[in-house]
Amino acid sequence: MTGAAADAFGGLPSVPTKIPAKAVLNDLQVPVLVVVAGRSRVHQVKRVAQRALRFPQVRVEIVDGASHYGLPMTHADQVAALILQDGQR
């Protein structure tokens, strides 16, 4: 499904996501894993990582070589391993 969507809509601009208020993010009580595509043209990778790390429960992983839309498919094993590893902390 992701591949079909990327093929069909990959050339369109992305829709910005509303970022939750800092108070909401500061109150998180569970570990949060942020996985960012290292070659993303949707996000400023370093900026996303720096902003995410301001919050207490966040761990950031940058997947080098991955694009934003390709990340779930082209690096599926790596993303799955990160999620499983994060679930053990």
N, C-alpha and C. Protein backbone atom coordinates (compact mmCIF):
# COMPACT_ATOMS: atom_id res chain seq x y z
N MET A 1 0.82 -1.18 0.00
CA MET A 1 0.00 0.00 0.00
C MET A 1 0.88 1.26 0.00
N THR A 2 1.91 1.24 0.84
CA THR A 2 2.79 2.40 0.91
C THR A 2 3.47 2.63 -0.44
N GLY A 3 3.89 1.56 -1.08
CA GLY A 3 4.54 1.67 -2.38
C GLY A 3 3.62 2.26 -3.43
N ALA A 4 2.38 1.80 -3.43
CA ALA A 4 1.41 2.33 -4.40
C ALA A 4 1.15 3.81 -4.16
N ALA A 5 1.04 4.19 -2.91
CA ALA A 5 0.81 5.60 -2.57
C ALA A 5 2.02 6.45 -2.97
N ALA A 6 3.21 5.93 -2.73
CA ALA A 6 4.43 6.68 -3.09
C ALA A 6 4.51 6.85 -4.60
N ASP A 7 4.14 5.81 -5.35
CA ASP A 7 4.15 5.91 -6.81
C ASP A 7 3.10 6.90 -7.31
N ALA A 8 1.93 6.84 -6.71
CA ALA A 8 0.82 7.68 -7.17
C ALA A 8 0.96 9.14 -6.73
N PHE A 9 1.44 9.36 -5.52
CA PHE A 9 1.42 10.71 -4.96
C PHE A 9 2.78 11.25 -4.57
N GLY A 10 3.85 10.54 -4.90
CA GLY A 10 5.19 10.92 -4.47
C GLY A 10 5.63 12.30 -4.91
N GLY A 11 5.10 12.81 -6.01
CA GLY A 11 5.51 14.12 -6.50
C GLY A 11 4.75 15.28 -5.90
N LEU A 12 3.76 14.99 -5.09
CA LEU A 12 2.95 16.05 -4.50
C LEU A 12 3.59 16.57 -3.21
N PRO A 13 3.35 17.83 -2.89
CA PRO A 13 3.90 18.35 -1.62
C PRO A 13 3.25 17.65 -0.43
N SER A 14 3.98 17.51 0.65
CA SER A 14 3.43 16.86 1.83
C SER A 14 2.59 17.84 2.63
N VAL A 15 1.71 17.27 3.40
CA VAL A 15 0.84 18.07 4.26
C VAL A 15 1.51 18.19 5.62
N PRO A 16 1.74 19.40 6.08
CA PRO A 16 2.40 19.56 7.38
C PRO A 16 1.55 18.97 8.51
N THR A 17 2.23 18.35 9.44
CA THR A 17 1.57 17.79 10.61
C THR A 17 1.63 18.80 11.74
N LYS A 18 0.53 18.93 12.45
CA LYS A 18 0.51 19.85 13.59
C LYS A 18 1.34 19.24 14.72
N ILE A 19 2.28 20.00 15.23
CA ILE A 19 3.13 19.54 16.31
C ILE A 19 2.42 19.77 17.64
N PRO A 20 2.33 18.75 18.48
CA PRO A 20 1.65 18.94 19.78
C PRO A 20 2.37 19.99 20.64
N ALA A 21 1.62 20.58 21.55
CA ALA A 21 2.17 21.58 22.45
C ALA A 21 3.30 20.98 23.30
N LYS A 22 4.27 21.82 23.67
CA LYS A 22 5.39 21.36 24.49
C LYS A 22 4.92 20.72 25.79
N ALA A 23 3.89 21.28 26.40
CA ALA A 23 3.39 20.73 27.66
C ALA A 23 2.92 19.29 27.48
N VAL A 24 2.27 19.02 26.36
CA VAL A 24 1.80 17.65 26.09
C VAL A 24 2.99 16.71 25.93
N LEU A 25 3.99 17.15 25.19
CA LEU A 25 5.17 16.31 24.97
C LEU A 25 5.98 16.13 26.25
N ASN A 26 6.07 17.15 27.06
CA ASN A 26 6.80 17.04 28.33
C ASN A 26 6.13 16.08 29.30
N ASP A 27 4.83 15.91 29.17
CA ASP A 27 4.08 15.03 30.08
C ASP A 27 4.08 13.56 29.65
N LEU A 28 4.72 13.25 28.54
CA LEU A 28 4.76 11.86 28.10
C LEU A 28 5.39 10.98 29.17
N GLN A 29 4.77 9.87 29.45
CA GLN A 29 5.27 8.95 30.47
C GLN A 29 5.81 7.66 29.87
N VAL A 30 5.74 7.53 28.57
CA VAL A 30 6.22 6.32 27.91
C VAL A 30 7.41 6.66 27.02
N PRO A 31 8.28 5.70 26.77
CA PRO A 31 9.39 5.95 25.84
C PRO A 31 8.86 6.23 24.43
N VAL A 32 9.51 7.13 23.74
CA VAL A 32 9.11 7.50 22.38
C VAL A 32 10.31 7.31 21.46
N LEU A 33 10.09 6.58 20.39
CA LEU A 33 11.13 6.39 19.39
C LEU A 33 10.77 7.21 18.17
N VAL A 34 11.67 8.10 17.76
CA VAL A 34 11.49 8.91 16.56
C VAL A 34 12.49 8.38 15.53
N VAL A 35 11.96 7.86 14.43
CA VAL A 35 12.80 7.34 13.36
C VAL A 35 12.71 8.33 12.20
N VAL A 36 13.86 8.86 11.81
CA VAL A 36 13.91 9.88 10.77
C VAL A 36 14.74 9.35 9.60
N ALA A 37 14.24 9.56 8.40
CA ALA A 37 14.96 9.16 7.19
C ALA A 37 16.11 10.12 6.95
N GLY A 38 17.31 9.60 6.86
CA GLY A 38 18.50 10.42 6.71
C GLY A 38 18.56 11.24 5.44
N ARG A 39 17.88 10.80 4.39
CA ARG A 39 17.86 11.54 3.13
C ARG A 39 16.51 12.19 2.87
N SER A 40 15.77 12.46 3.92
CA SER A 40 14.44 13.05 3.77
C SER A 40 14.52 14.42 3.10
N ARG A 41 13.63 14.63 2.14
CA ARG A 41 13.49 15.95 1.55
C ARG A 41 12.21 16.60 2.10
N VAL A 42 11.54 15.90 3.00
CA VAL A 42 10.34 16.40 3.64
C VAL A 42 10.69 17.15 4.91
N HIS A 43 11.70 16.68 5.63
CA HIS A 43 12.11 17.26 6.90
C HIS A 43 13.56 17.71 6.84
N GLN A 44 13.89 18.64 7.72
CA GLN A 44 15.29 18.97 7.96
C GLN A 44 15.73 18.01 9.06
N VAL A 45 16.44 16.98 8.66
CA VAL A 45 16.73 15.83 9.52
C VAL A 45 17.36 16.24 10.86
N LYS A 46 18.41 17.01 10.83
CA LYS A 46 19.09 17.40 12.08
C LYS A 46 18.17 18.24 12.96
N ARG A 47 17.38 19.09 12.35
CA ARG A 47 16.45 19.93 13.13
C ARG A 47 15.39 19.08 13.82
N VAL A 48 14.85 18.11 13.10
CA VAL A 48 13.85 17.20 13.70
C VAL A 48 14.47 16.47 14.89
N ALA A 49 15.67 15.94 14.70
CA ALA A 49 16.34 15.19 15.77
C ALA A 49 16.60 16.08 16.98
N GLN A 50 17.11 17.27 16.75
CA GLN A 50 17.41 18.18 17.87
C GLN A 50 16.15 18.57 18.63
N ARG A 51 15.08 18.84 17.90
CA ARG A 51 13.83 19.23 18.57
C ARG A 51 13.24 18.07 19.35
N ALA A 52 13.30 16.89 18.78
CA ALA A 52 12.73 15.72 19.46
C ALA A 52 13.48 15.40 20.75
N LEU A 53 14.79 15.59 20.72
CA LEU A 53 15.61 15.25 21.90
C LEU A 53 15.44 16.22 23.06
N ARG A 54 14.68 17.26 22.88
CA ARG A 54 14.39 18.19 23.97
C ARG A 54 13.45 17.56 25.00
N PHE A 55 12.80 16.50 24.64
CA PHE A 55 11.78 15.91 25.50
C PHE A 55 12.34 14.68 26.22
N PRO A 56 11.88 14.47 27.44
CA PRO A 56 12.53 13.51 28.33
C PRO A 56 12.52 12.04 27.89
N GLN A 57 11.49 11.58 27.26
CA GLN A 57 11.37 10.15 26.97
C GLN A 57 11.72 9.79 25.52
N VAL A 58 12.34 10.72 24.80
CA VAL A 58 12.55 10.51 23.37
C VAL A 58 13.94 9.96 23.05
N ARG A 59 13.94 9.00 22.16
CA ARG A 59 15.17 8.48 21.55
C ARG A 59 15.03 8.68 20.06
N VAL A 60 16.04 9.20 19.40
CA VAL A 60 16.00 9.47 17.97
C VAL A 60 16.98 8.55 17.24
N GLU A 61 16.51 7.98 16.16
CA GLU A 61 17.37 7.19 15.28
C GLU A 61 17.23 7.75 13.87
N ILE A 62 18.36 8.05 13.25
CA ILE A 62 18.37 8.51 11.87
C ILE A 62 18.83 7.35 11.00
N VAL A 63 18.02 7.00 10.04
CA VAL A 63 18.33 5.88 9.15
C VAL A 63 19.00 6.45 7.90
N ASP A 64 20.32 6.35 7.86
CA ASP A 64 21.09 6.87 6.74
C ASP A 64 20.67 6.19 5.43
N GLY A 65 20.62 6.97 4.39
CA GLY A 65 20.31 6.42 3.07
C GLY A 65 18.83 6.27 2.78
N ALA A 66 17.99 6.47 3.77
CA ALA A 66 16.55 6.29 3.59
C ALA A 66 15.89 7.61 3.21
N SER A 67 14.91 7.54 2.31
CA SER A 67 14.09 8.70 2.00
C SER A 67 12.84 8.66 2.88
N HIS A 68 12.17 9.78 3.00
CA HIS A 68 10.99 9.87 3.87
C HIS A 68 9.93 8.82 3.49
N TYR A 69 9.58 8.79 2.22
CA TYR A 69 8.51 7.89 1.79
C TYR A 69 8.99 6.45 1.62
N GLY A 70 10.25 6.27 1.34
CA GLY A 70 10.77 4.92 1.15
C GLY A 70 11.12 4.20 2.43
N LEU A 71 11.29 4.94 3.51
CA LEU A 71 11.76 4.38 4.78
C LEU A 71 11.07 3.09 5.20
N PRO A 72 9.73 3.03 5.19
CA PRO A 72 9.09 1.80 5.67
C PRO A 72 9.36 0.57 4.80
N MET A 73 9.68 0.81 3.52
CA MET A 73 9.88 -0.33 2.62
C MET A 73 11.35 -0.65 2.41
N THR A 74 12.14 0.36 2.12
CA THR A 74 13.53 0.12 1.76
C THR A 74 14.40 -0.21 2.96
N HIS A 75 13.94 0.14 4.14
CA HIS A 75 14.70 -0.12 5.36
C HIS A 75 13.82 -0.79 6.43
N ALA A 76 12.89 -1.61 5.95
CA ALA A 76 11.91 -2.24 6.84
C ALA A 76 12.57 -3.06 7.95
N ASP A 77 13.59 -3.83 7.62
CA ASP A 77 14.25 -4.66 8.64
C ASP A 77 14.91 -3.80 9.71
N GLN A 78 15.55 -2.73 9.28
CA GLN A 78 16.22 -1.84 10.23
C GLN A 78 15.20 -1.13 11.13
N VAL A 79 14.10 -0.66 10.54
CA VAL A 79 13.07 0.01 11.33
C VAL A 79 12.44 -0.97 12.32
N ALA A 80 12.16 -2.19 11.87
CA ALA A 80 11.58 -3.20 12.76
C ALA A 80 12.53 -3.50 13.92
N ALA A 81 13.81 -3.61 13.63
CA ALA A 81 14.79 -3.87 14.70
C ALA A 81 14.83 -2.72 15.70
N LEU A 82 14.74 -1.49 15.22
CA LEU A 82 14.73 -0.33 16.12
C LEU A 82 13.50 -0.34 17.01
N ILE A 83 12.36 -0.68 16.44
CA ILE A 83 11.11 -0.73 17.21
C ILE A 83 11.19 -1.83 18.26
N LEU A 84 11.68 -2.99 17.87
CA LEU A 84 11.79 -4.10 18.84
C LEU A 84 12.79 -3.76 19.95
N GLN A 85 13.90 -3.15 19.57
CA GLN A 85 14.92 -2.75 20.55
C GLN A 85 14.33 -1.72 21.51
N ASP A 86 13.59 -0.77 20.98
CA ASP A 86 13.00 0.28 21.80
C ASP A 86 11.96 -0.29 22.76
N GLY A 87 11.25 -1.32 22.32
CA GLY A 87 10.24 -1.94 23.17
C GLY A 87 10.83 -2.63 24.39
N GLN A 88 12.14 -2.86 24.37
CA GLN A 88 12.80 -3.54 25.49
C GLN A 88 13.39 -2.57 26.51
N ARG A 89 13.27 -1.27 26.24
CA ARG A 89 13.85 -0.34 27.22
C ARG A 89 12.83 0.09 28.24
